[in-house]
């Protein structure tokens, strides 16, 4: 299988469980650091694009990493290259598809269970969540899951966007909690540690979601292009 292109937007937002899953499925991974490198590679050269989290939002157009990520996702959508958008990546995908992204009255931080219409693709949780913005389901897309504060997942064609972080582990999000400590309304590290028993199930949920995205992308591509 061709490689997966992973757009990383900062040193604290690695591929995490997504990288582990790609290795398990023997799918090569090319990581492009949108915050330190130039324009991303042509998405048409990859099996799919995964766009990870960021401390910025899609409307931060003057931030180079946002502009590079948006350009890459615009090219991917234009050419039917499947996109997996995770948190900021989901917001950016929604933005590219014409959906609204806005700041939330209060952030969603810590462990989250969601209401899902398709648990075989998007399990109910627990998931790790860490975001101050939220997206609306883009025009023509299907809302797959939600919380009482935000849409949590949508799909359209071969693309899937989530508002939570299936790729992240407690250790990764703890670094965010420490970095954001001065603006948090909670003790972020304590909240994460209180849910440590969720970690194994969250990792299993992530693999379910990643497998479902890949199968959906393959099926959609066969239906659209007749490709094997």
C-alpha atoms as a PDB file:
ATOM      1  CA  UNK A   1       0.000   0.000   0.000  1.00  0.00           C
ATOM      2  CA  UNK A   2       1.140   3.556  -0.651  1.00  0.00           C
ATOM      3  CA  UNK A   3       2.297   5.709   2.232  1.00  0.00           C
ATOM      4  CA  UNK A   4       0.076   7.816   4.471  1.00  0.00           C
ATOM      5  CA  UNK A   5       0.870  11.515   4.703  1.00  0.00           C
ATOM      6  CA  UNK A   6       0.615  12.779   8.292  1.00  0.00           C
ATOM      7  CA  UNK A   7       0.464  16.547   8.833  1.00  0.00           C
ATOM      8  CA  UNK A   8       1.888  17.444  12.250  1.00  0.00           C
ATOM      9  CA  UNK A   9       1.524  21.048  13.422  1.00  0.00           C
ATOM     10  CA  UNK A  10       3.866  21.267  16.395  1.00  0.00           C
ATOM     11  CA  UNK A  11       6.358  19.364  18.547  1.00  0.00           C
ATOM     12  CA  UNK A  12       3.707  18.377  21.118  1.00  0.00           C
ATOM     13  CA  UNK A  13       1.271  16.844  18.615  1.00  0.00           C
ATOM     14  CA  UNK A  14       2.797  13.586  17.303  1.00  0.00           C
ATOM     15  CA  UNK A  15       0.988  10.777  15.493  1.00  0.00           C
ATOM     16  CA  UNK A  16       0.838   8.686  18.672  1.00  0.00           C
ATOM     17  CA  UNK A  17      -1.629   5.803  18.357  1.00  0.00           C
ATOM     18  CA  UNK A  18      -2.142   6.585  14.677  1.00  0.00           C
ATOM     19  CA  UNK A  19       1.544   5.935  14.094  1.00  0.00           C
ATOM     20  CA  UNK A  20       1.312   2.668  16.016  1.00  0.00           C
ATOM     21  CA  UNK A  21      -1.700   1.596  13.939  1.00  0.00           C
ATOM     22  CA  UNK A  22       0.033   2.448  10.663  1.00  0.00           C
ATOM     23  CA  UNK A  23       3.017   0.339  11.699  1.00  0.00           C
ATOM     24  CA  UNK A  24       0.733  -2.565  12.658  1.00  0.00           C
ATOM     25  CA  UNK A  25      -1.027  -2.365   9.259  1.00  0.00           C
ATOM     26  CA  UNK A  26       2.362  -2.070   7.501  1.00  0.00           C
ATOM     27  CA  UNK A  27       1.399   1.252   5.950  1.00  0.00           C
ATOM     28  CA  UNK A  28       4.449   3.509   5.559  1.00  0.00           C
ATOM     29  CA  UNK A  29       4.103   6.915   7.222  1.00  0.00           C
ATOM     30  CA  UNK A  30       5.516  10.195   5.943  1.00  0.00           C
ATOM     31  CA  UNK A  31       5.322  12.933   8.593  1.00  0.00           C
ATOM     32  CA  UNK A  32       5.334  16.514   7.356  1.00  0.00           C
ATOM     33  CA  UNK A  33       5.927  19.163  10.017  1.00  0.00           C
ATOM     34  CA  UNK A  34       3.716  21.983   8.755  1.00  0.00           C
ATOM     35  CA  UNK A  35       5.094  24.296  11.456  1.00  0.00           C
ATOM     36  CA  UNK A  36       8.750  23.997  10.452  1.00  0.00           C
ATOM     37  CA  UNK A  37       8.839  22.755   6.851  1.00  0.00           C
ATOM     38  CA  UNK A  38       7.635  24.248   3.594  1.00  0.00           C
ATOM     39  CA  UNK A  39       4.522  23.264   1.634  1.00  0.00           C
ATOM     40  CA  UNK A  40       3.311  19.703   2.141  1.00  0.00           C
ATOM     41  CA  UNK A  41       3.945  17.050  -0.517  1.00  0.00           C
ATOM     42  CA  UNK A  42       1.313  16.510  -3.199  1.00  0.00           C
ATOM     43  CA  UNK A  43      -1.454  14.488  -1.496  1.00  0.00           C
ATOM     44  CA  UNK A  44      -2.095  12.595  -4.728  1.00  0.00           C
ATOM     45  CA  UNK A  45       1.119  10.686  -4.068  1.00  0.00           C
ATOM     46  CA  UNK A  46      -0.356   9.123  -0.901  1.00  0.00           C
ATOM     47  CA  UNK A  47      -3.028   6.639   0.073  1.00  0.00           C
ATOM     48  CA  UNK A  48      -4.569   9.201   2.415  1.00  0.00           C
ATOM     49  CA  UNK A  49      -3.804  12.317   4.437  1.00  0.00           C
ATOM     50  CA  UNK A  50      -4.129  12.478   8.236  1.00  0.00           C
ATOM     51  CA  UNK A  51      -4.210  15.983   9.696  1.00  0.00           C
ATOM     52  CA  UNK A  52      -3.413  16.187  13.422  1.00  0.00           C
ATOM     53  CA  UNK A  53      -4.015  18.735  16.179  1.00  0.00           C
ATOM     54  CA  UNK A  54      -2.745  22.290  16.520  1.00  0.00           C
ATOM     55  CA  UNK A  55      -2.767  25.101  19.061  1.00  0.00           C
ATOM     56  CA  UNK A  56      -4.182  27.292  16.280  1.00  0.00           C
ATOM     57  CA  UNK A  57      -7.581  27.313  14.622  1.00  0.00           C
ATOM     58  CA  UNK A  58      -8.565  27.189  10.923  1.00  0.00           C
ATOM     59  CA  UNK A  59      -9.214  30.953  10.912  1.00  0.00           C
ATOM     60  CA  UNK A  60      -5.617  31.746  11.905  1.00  0.00           C
ATOM     61  CA  UNK A  61      -4.849  32.344   8.243  1.00  0.00           C
ATOM     62  CA  UNK A  62      -1.611  34.239   8.961  1.00  0.00           C
ATOM     63  CA  UNK A  63      -0.093  31.230  10.714  1.00  0.00           C
ATOM     64  CA  UNK A  64       2.067  29.389   8.122  1.00  0.00           C
ATOM     65  CA  UNK A  65       1.278  25.912   9.467  1.00  0.00           C
ATOM     66  CA  UNK A  66      -2.462  26.578   9.123  1.00  0.00           C
ATOM     67  CA  UNK A  67      -2.070  27.883   5.581  1.00  0.00           C
ATOM     68  CA  UNK A  68       0.052  24.876   4.586  1.00  0.00           C
ATOM     69  CA  UNK A  69      -2.402  22.428   6.121  1.00  0.00           C
ATOM     70  CA  UNK A  70      -5.363  24.110   4.449  1.00  0.00           C
ATOM     71  CA  UNK A  71      -3.668  24.062   1.054  1.00  0.00           C
ATOM     72  CA  UNK A  72      -2.886  20.366   1.406  1.00  0.00           C
ATOM     73  CA  UNK A  73      -6.441  19.458   2.440  1.00  0.00           C
ATOM     74  CA  UNK A  74      -7.909  21.579  -0.357  1.00  0.00           C
ATOM     75  CA  UNK A  75      -5.803  19.621  -2.853  1.00  0.00           C
ATOM     76  CA  UNK A  76      -6.740  16.307  -1.253  1.00  0.00           C
ATOM     77  CA  UNK A  77     -10.476  17.074  -1.330  1.00  0.00           C
ATOM     78  CA  UNK A  78     -10.263  18.341  -4.906  1.00  0.00           C
ATOM     79  CA  UNK A  79      -8.632  15.096  -6.038  1.00  0.00           C
ATOM     80  CA  UNK A  80     -10.639  12.683  -3.836  1.00  0.00           C
ATOM     81  CA  UNK A  81      -7.646  11.726  -1.704  1.00  0.00           C
ATOM     82  CA  UNK A  82      -9.132  10.506   1.612  1.00  0.00           C
ATOM     83  CA  UNK A  83      -8.604  12.835   4.577  1.00  0.00           C
ATOM     84  CA  UNK A  84      -8.671  11.829   8.240  1.00  0.00           C
ATOM     85  CA  UNK A  85      -8.988  15.047  10.256  1.00  0.00           C
ATOM     86  CA  UNK A  86      -8.378  14.811  14.006  1.00  0.00           C
ATOM     87  CA  UNK A  87      -9.430  17.720  16.280  1.00  0.00           C
ATOM     88  CA  UNK A  88      -7.807  20.734  14.570  1.00  0.00           C
ATOM     89  CA  UNK A  89      -7.548  18.472  11.531  1.00  0.00           C
ATOM     90  CA  UNK A  90     -11.294  17.848  11.720  1.00  0.00           C
ATOM     91  CA  UNK A  91     -11.923  21.583  12.092  1.00  0.00           C
ATOM     92  CA  UNK A  92      -9.700  22.333   9.108  1.00  0.00           C
ATOM     93  CA  UNK A  93     -11.405  19.648   7.021  1.00  0.00           C
ATOM     94  CA  UNK A  94     -14.813  21.066   7.938  1.00  0.00           C
ATOM     95  CA  UNK A  95     -13.588  24.562   7.043  1.00  0.00           C
ATOM     96  CA  UNK A  96     -12.284  23.414   3.649  1.00  0.00           C
ATOM     97  CA  UNK A  97     -15.643  21.730   2.971  1.00  0.00           C
ATOM     98  CA  UNK A  98     -17.578  24.904   3.764  1.00  0.00           C
ATOM     99  CA  UNK A  99     -18.512  24.159   7.373  1.00  0.00           C
ATOM    100  CA  UNK A 100     -18.476  26.687  10.193  1.00  0.00           C
ATOM    101  CA  UNK A 101     -15.813  26.621  12.910  1.00  0.00           C
ATOM    102  CA  UNK A 102     -16.245  28.714  16.047  1.00  0.00           C
ATOM    103  CA  UNK A 103     -14.798  29.205  19.503  1.00  0.00           C
ATOM    104  CA  UNK A 104     -16.666  27.369  22.242  1.00  0.00           C
ATOM    105  CA  UNK A 105     -18.080  29.094  25.341  1.00  0.00           C
ATOM    106  CA  UNK A 106     -16.167  26.515  27.377  1.00  0.00           C
ATOM    107  CA  UNK A 107     -13.532  24.026  26.209  1.00  0.00           C
ATOM    108  CA  UNK A 108     -13.913  20.245  26.224  1.00  0.00           C
ATOM    109  CA  UNK A 109     -10.987  18.893  28.235  1.00  0.00           C
ATOM    110  CA  UNK A 110     -10.191  15.402  29.445  1.00  0.00           C
ATOM    111  CA  UNK A 111     -12.109  12.175  28.911  1.00  0.00           C
ATOM    112  CA  UNK A 112     -15.265  12.192  26.832  1.00  0.00           C
ATOM    113  CA  UNK A 113     -18.057   9.759  25.959  1.00  0.00           C
ATOM    114  CA  UNK A 114     -20.116  10.685  22.913  1.00  0.00           C
ATOM    115  CA  UNK A 115     -23.467   9.888  21.354  1.00  0.00           C
ATOM    116  CA  UNK A 116     -22.713   7.999  18.122  1.00  0.00           C
ATOM    117  CA  UNK A 117     -24.910   6.947  15.221  1.00  0.00           C
ATOM    118  CA  UNK A 118     -22.276   4.540  13.839  1.00  0.00           C
ATOM    119  CA  UNK A 119     -20.395   2.787  16.662  1.00  0.00           C
ATOM    120  CA  UNK A 120     -18.751   0.405  14.181  1.00  0.00           C
ATOM    121  CA  UNK A 121     -16.931   3.409  12.726  1.00  0.00           C
ATOM    122  CA  UNK A 122     -16.950   5.891  15.620  1.00  0.00           C
ATOM    123  CA  UNK A 123     -17.216   4.119  19.014  1.00  0.00           C
ATOM    124  CA  UNK A 124     -18.901   5.939  21.877  1.00  0.00           C
ATOM    125  CA  UNK A 125     -15.676   6.286  23.841  1.00  0.00           C
ATOM    126  CA  UNK A 126     -13.977   6.975  26.072  1.00  0.00           C
ATOM    127  CA  UNK A 127     -11.974   9.478  24.005  1.00  0.00           C
ATOM    128  CA  UNK A 128      -9.407  12.087  24.918  1.00  0.00           C
ATOM    129  CA  UNK A 129     -10.616  15.601  24.172  1.00  0.00           C
ATOM    130  CA  UNK A 130      -8.700  18.896  24.282  1.00  0.00           C
ATOM    131  CA  UNK A 131     -10.108  21.780  22.280  1.00  0.00           C
ATOM    132  CA  UNK A 132     -11.399  25.358  22.499  1.00  0.00           C
ATOM    133  CA  UNK A 133     -13.074  25.400  19.064  1.00  0.00           C
ATOM    134  CA  UNK A 134     -15.785  23.296  17.443  1.00  0.00           C
ATOM    135  CA  UNK A 135     -16.982  22.618  13.913  1.00  0.00           C
ATOM    136  CA  UNK A 136     -20.442  22.342  12.408  1.00  0.00           C
ATOM    137  CA  UNK A 137     -21.142  19.464  10.034  1.00  0.00           C
ATOM    138  CA  UNK A 138     -20.174  20.695   6.551  1.00  0.00           C
ATOM    139  CA  UNK A 139     -22.790  20.932   3.776  1.00  0.00           C
ATOM    140  CA  UNK A 140     -23.496  17.510   2.298  1.00  0.00           C
ATOM    141  CA  UNK A 141     -21.714  15.637   5.102  1.00  0.00           C
ATOM    142  CA  UNK A 142     -23.289  13.265   7.617  1.00  0.00           C
ATOM    143  CA  UNK A 143     -22.992  13.952  11.323  1.00  0.00           C
ATOM    144  CA  UNK A 144     -21.890  10.708  12.955  1.00  0.00           C
ATOM    145  CA  UNK A 145     -21.458  11.649  16.616  1.00  0.00           C
ATOM    146  CA  UNK A 146     -21.958  14.467  19.079  1.00  0.00           C
ATOM    147  CA  UNK A 147     -21.619  15.575  22.686  1.00  0.00           C
ATOM    148  CA  UNK A 148     -23.803  18.082  24.502  1.00  0.00           C
ATOM    149  CA  UNK A 149     -21.342  20.821  23.472  1.00  0.00           C
ATOM    150  CA  UNK A 150     -20.224  19.987  19.950  1.00  0.00           C
ATOM    151  CA  UNK A 151     -20.476  17.816  16.881  1.00  0.00           C
ATOM    152  CA  UNK A 152     -17.847  15.126  17.415  1.00  0.00           C
ATOM    153  CA  UNK A 153     -17.563  13.375  14.045  1.00  0.00           C
ATOM    154  CA  UNK A 154     -18.725  13.700  10.447  1.00  0.00           C
ATOM    155  CA  UNK A 155     -18.102  11.899   7.173  1.00  0.00           C
ATOM    156  CA  UNK A 156     -18.464  12.786   3.520  1.00  0.00           C
ATOM    157  CA  UNK A 157     -17.237  10.620   0.667  1.00  0.00           C
ATOM    158  CA  UNK A 158     -13.873   9.146   1.690  1.00  0.00           C
ATOM    159  CA  UNK A 159     -13.263  11.798   4.374  1.00  0.00           C
ATOM    160  CA  UNK A 160     -13.737  11.554   8.136  1.00  0.00           C
ATOM    161  CA  UNK A 161     -13.360  14.336  10.699  1.00  0.00           C
ATOM    162  CA  UNK A 162     -13.390  14.051  14.487  1.00  0.00           C
ATOM    163  CA  UNK A 163     -13.400  16.720  17.184  1.00  0.00           C
ATOM    164  CA  UNK A 164     -11.716  14.454  19.750  1.00  0.00           C
ATOM    165  CA  UNK A 165      -8.191  12.985  19.664  1.00  0.00           C
ATOM    166  CA  UNK A 166      -8.170   9.259  18.826  1.00  0.00           C
ATOM    167  CA  UNK A 167      -4.445   9.455  18.093  1.00  0.00           C
ATOM    168  CA  UNK A 168      -3.445  10.790  21.497  1.00  0.00           C
ATOM    169  CA  UNK A 169      -2.398   9.101  24.726  1.00  0.00           C
ATOM    170  CA  UNK A 170      -2.493  10.366  28.301  1.00  0.00           C
ATOM    171  CA  UNK A 171       1.221  11.081  28.058  1.00  0.00           C
ATOM    172  CA  UNK A 172       0.753  13.263  24.963  1.00  0.00           C
ATOM    173  CA  UNK A 173      -2.214  15.204  26.344  1.00  0.00           C
ATOM    174  CA  UNK A 174      -0.448  15.675  29.697  1.00  0.00           C
ATOM    175  CA  UNK A 175       2.129  17.758  27.851  1.00  0.00           C
ATOM    176  CA  UNK A 176      -0.711  19.934  26.526  1.00  0.00           C
ATOM    177  CA  UNK A 177      -2.159  20.261  30.023  1.00  0.00           C
ATOM    178  CA  UNK A 178       1.188  21.416  31.371  1.00  0.00           C
ATOM    179  CA  UNK A 179       1.645  23.842  28.480  1.00  0.00           C
ATOM    180  CA  UNK A 180      -1.891  25.261  28.933  1.00  0.00           C
ATOM    181  CA  UNK A 181      -1.867  25.272  32.747  1.00  0.00           C
ATOM    182  CA  UNK A 182      -2.198  29.045  33.097  1.00  0.00           C
ATOM    183  CA  UNK A 183      -5.466  29.189  31.152  1.00  0.00           C
ATOM    184  CA  UNK A 184      -7.127  25.973  32.304  1.00  0.00           C
ATOM    185  CA  UNK A 185     -10.317  26.064  34.402  1.00  0.00           C
ATOM    186  CA  UNK A 186      -9.354  22.644  35.817  1.00  0.00           C
ATOM    187  CA  UNK A 187      -6.337  20.680  36.977  1.00  0.00           C
ATOM    188  CA  UNK A 188      -5.753  19.118  33.582  1.00  0.00           C
ATOM    189  CA  UNK A 189      -3.148  16.586  34.671  1.00  0.00           C
ATOM    190  CA  UNK A 190      -5.340  15.356  37.517  1.00  0.00           C
ATOM    191  CA  UNK A 191      -8.341  14.959  35.198  1.00  0.00           C
ATOM    192  CA  UNK A 192      -6.286  12.914  32.748  1.00  0.00           C
ATOM    193  CA  UNK A 193      -4.799  10.703  35.445  1.00  0.00           C
ATOM    194  CA  UNK A 194      -8.212  10.111  36.981  1.00  0.00           C
ATOM    195  CA  UNK A 195      -9.213   8.393  33.744  1.00  0.00           C
ATOM    196  CA  UNK A 196      -6.065   6.313  33.275  1.00  0.00           C
ATOM    197  CA  UNK A 197      -8.168   3.137  33.458  1.00  0.00           C
ATOM    198  CA  UNK A 198      -9.743   4.305  30.175  1.00  0.00           C
ATOM    199  CA  UNK A 199      -6.480   4.211  28.244  1.00  0.00           C
ATOM    200  CA  UNK A 200      -6.660   0.612  27.038  1.00  0.00           C
ATOM    201  CA  UNK A 201     -10.234   0.963  25.794  1.00  0.00           C
ATOM    202  CA  UNK A 202      -9.452   4.299  24.154  1.00  0.00           C
ATOM    203  CA  UNK A 203      -6.571   2.704  22.241  1.00  0.00           C
ATOM    204  CA  UNK A 204      -8.853  -0.112  21.078  1.00  0.00           C
ATOM    205  CA  UNK A 205     -11.469   2.462  20.029  1.00  0.00           C
ATOM    206  CA  UNK A 206      -8.833   4.328  18.050  1.00  0.00           C
ATOM    207  CA  UNK A 207      -7.896   1.228  16.077  1.00  0.00           C
ATOM    208  CA  UNK A 208     -11.573   0.603  15.348  1.00  0.00           C
ATOM    209  CA  UNK A 209     -11.945   4.146  14.037  1.00  0.00           C
ATOM    210  CA  UNK A 210      -8.756   4.020  11.960  1.00  0.00           C
ATOM    211  CA  UNK A 211      -9.714   0.645  10.457  1.00  0.00           C
ATOM    212  CA  UNK A 212     -13.200   1.959   9.693  1.00  0.00           C
ATOM    213  CA  UNK A 213     -11.819   5.080   8.035  1.00  0.00           C
ATOM    214  CA  UNK A 214      -9.478   3.011   5.860  1.00  0.00           C
ATOM    215  CA  UNK A 215     -12.229   0.610   4.797  1.00  0.00           C
ATOM    216  CA  UNK A 216     -14.595   3.491   4.072  1.00  0.00           C
ATOM    217  CA  UNK A 217     -11.920   5.247   2.033  1.00  0.00           C
ATOM    218  CA  UNK A 218     -11.206   2.112   0.016  1.00  0.00           C
ATOM    219  CA  UNK A 219     -14.902   1.402  -0.580  1.00  0.00           C
ATOM    220  CA  UNK A 220     -15.631   4.971  -1.634  1.00  0.00           C
ATOM    221  CA  UNK A 221     -12.674   4.972  -3.992  1.00  0.00           C
ATOM    222  CA  UNK A 222     -13.816   1.724  -5.631  1.00  0.00           C
ATOM    223  CA  UNK A 223     -17.347   3.082  -6.053  1.00  0.00           C
ATOM    224  CA  UNK A 224     -16.101   6.396  -7.450  1.00  0.00           C
ATOM    225  CA  UNK A 225     -13.157   5.341  -9.587  1.00  0.00           C
ATOM    226  CA  UNK A 226     -13.483   1.592  -9.973  1.00  0.00           C
ATOM    227  CA  UNK A 227     -10.057   1.307  -8.358  1.00  0.00           C
ATOM    228  CA  UNK A 228      -9.076  -1.944  -6.577  1.00  0.00           C
END
